[in-house]
Amino acid sequence: MYQVMLYLSTFFALFAFLLSFYACGRVAKVANSTKDLDWDAVANMTGDLATTKKTIQTLNNRINGMHSPKVAEQELMMQLMQNQQNKPNGKMLGG
């Protein structure tokens, strides 16, 4: 029984050691890939992402018809027609 526990603990220690090497390799890979990255590049990427996000939102709204120019024109025409129908016939009441 003690021998099995000894082998299991040795196996897990070796596994943890190899896993730590893998983690160190990944950290080194990220560090090398971001070595030439400065704050100006980060600011430019942030601005580009914001512009792209706004463009995608506008496109989705157009696809869904929320900001369709036809809908706005039709609503405006309906309001004008209703306002013309509700006008008084030249008689003013009150003050």
Protein backbone atom coordinates (compact mmCIF):
# COMPACT_ATOMS: atom_id res chain seq x y z
CA MET A 1 0.00 0.00 0.00
CA TYR A 2 2.76 2.44 0.87
CA GLN A 3 4.57 1.52 -2.30
CA VAL A 4 1.53 2.44 -4.45
CA MET A 5 1.23 5.78 -2.66
CA LEU A 6 4.95 6.42 -3.25
CA TYR A 7 4.63 5.72 -6.98
CA LEU A 8 1.47 7.81 -7.29
CA SER A 9 3.02 10.80 -5.53
CA THR A 10 6.13 10.51 -7.72
CA PHE A 11 3.98 10.35 -10.85
CA PHE A 12 1.95 13.43 -9.83
CA ALA A 13 5.11 15.36 -8.95
CA LEU A 14 6.62 14.55 -12.34
CA PHE A 15 3.36 15.48 -14.06
CA ALA A 16 3.24 18.83 -12.22
CA PHE A 17 6.87 19.51 -13.17
CA LEU A 18 6.16 18.87 -16.87
CA LEU A 19 3.02 20.97 -16.70
CA SER A 20 5.02 23.87 -15.25
CA PHE A 21 7.45 23.64 -18.19
CA TYR A 22 4.49 23.82 -20.57
CA ALA A 23 3.14 26.91 -18.77
CA CYS A 24 6.55 28.60 -18.87
CA GLY A 25 6.74 27.94 -22.60
CA ARG A 26 3.36 29.53 -23.19
CA VAL A 27 4.27 32.60 -21.13
CA ALA A 28 7.53 32.97 -23.07
CA LYS A 29 5.62 32.71 -26.36
CA VAL A 30 3.22 35.51 -25.33
CA ALA A 31 6.10 37.66 -24.10
CA ASN A 32 7.96 37.27 -27.41
CA SER A 33 4.88 38.03 -29.49
CA THR A 34 4.14 41.25 -27.56
CA LYS A 35 7.72 42.43 -27.28
CA ASP A 36 7.37 45.16 -29.93
CA LEU A 37 3.92 46.27 -28.75
CA ASP A 38 3.81 49.81 -27.35
CA TRP A 39 1.01 51.99 -25.99
CA ASP A 40 0.49 53.78 -29.30
CA ALA A 41 -0.19 50.46 -31.02
CA VAL A 42 -2.62 49.49 -28.26
CA ALA A 43 -4.42 52.84 -28.62
CA ASN A 44 -4.66 52.40 -32.40
CA MET A 45 -6.02 48.88 -32.03
CA THR A 46 -8.60 50.10 -29.49
CA GLY A 47 -9.75 52.84 -31.86
CA ASP A 48 -9.93 50.42 -34.77
CA LEU A 49 -11.99 47.99 -32.72
CA ALA A 50 -14.41 50.73 -31.65
CA THR A 51 -14.81 51.86 -35.26
CA THR A 52 -15.40 48.31 -36.42
CA LYS A 53 -17.94 47.72 -33.65
CA LYS A 54 -19.87 50.88 -34.56
CA THR A 55 -19.86 49.89 -38.25
CA ILE A 56 -21.18 46.43 -37.45
CA GLN A 57 -23.92 47.86 -35.21
CA THR A 58 -24.98 50.29 -37.95
CA LEU A 59 -25.04 47.49 -40.51
CA ASN A 60 -27.12 45.27 -38.22
CA ASN A 61 -29.57 48.10 -37.60
CA ARG A 62 -29.93 48.66 -41.34
CA ILE A 63 -30.46 44.96 -41.93
CA ASN A 64 -33.11 44.88 -39.22
CA GLY A 65 -34.74 48.01 -40.66
CA MET A 66 -34.46 50.15 -37.55
CA HIS A 67 -32.76 53.08 -39.29
CA SER A 68 -34.24 52.67 -42.71
CA PRO A 69 -34.69 55.99 -44.52
CA LYS A 70 -37.92 54.72 -46.11
CA VAL A 71 -39.52 54.11 -42.72
CA ALA A 72 -38.57 57.58 -41.48
CA GLU A 73 -39.95 59.22 -44.63
CA GLN A 74 -43.20 57.26 -44.41
CA GLU A 75 -43.68 58.22 -40.76
CA LEU A 76 -43.00 61.86 -41.58
CA MET A 77 -45.56 61.81 -44.41
CA MET A 78 -48.17 60.21 -42.14
CA GLN A 79 -47.61 62.88 -39.48
CA LEU A 80 -47.92 65.67 -42.06
CA MET A 81 -51.16 64.21 -43.37
CA GLN A 82 -52.59 63.93 -39.86
CA ASN A 83 -51.55 67.51 -39.03
CA GLN A 84 -53.27 68.81 -42.17
CA GLN A 85 -56.48 66.99 -41.30
CA ASN A 86 -56.50 68.31 -37.74
CA LYS A 87 -56.06 71.98 -38.70
CA PRO A 88 -58.93 74.26 -37.74
CA ASN A 89 -60.79 75.90 -40.60
CA GLY A 90 -59.42 79.37 -39.95
CA LYS A 91 -61.47 80.17 -36.87
CA MET A 92 -59.49 80.92 -33.77
CA LEU A 93 -60.97 80.17 -30.43
CA GLY A 94 -59.85 82.03 -27.39
CA GLY A 95 -57.22 84.66 -26.89
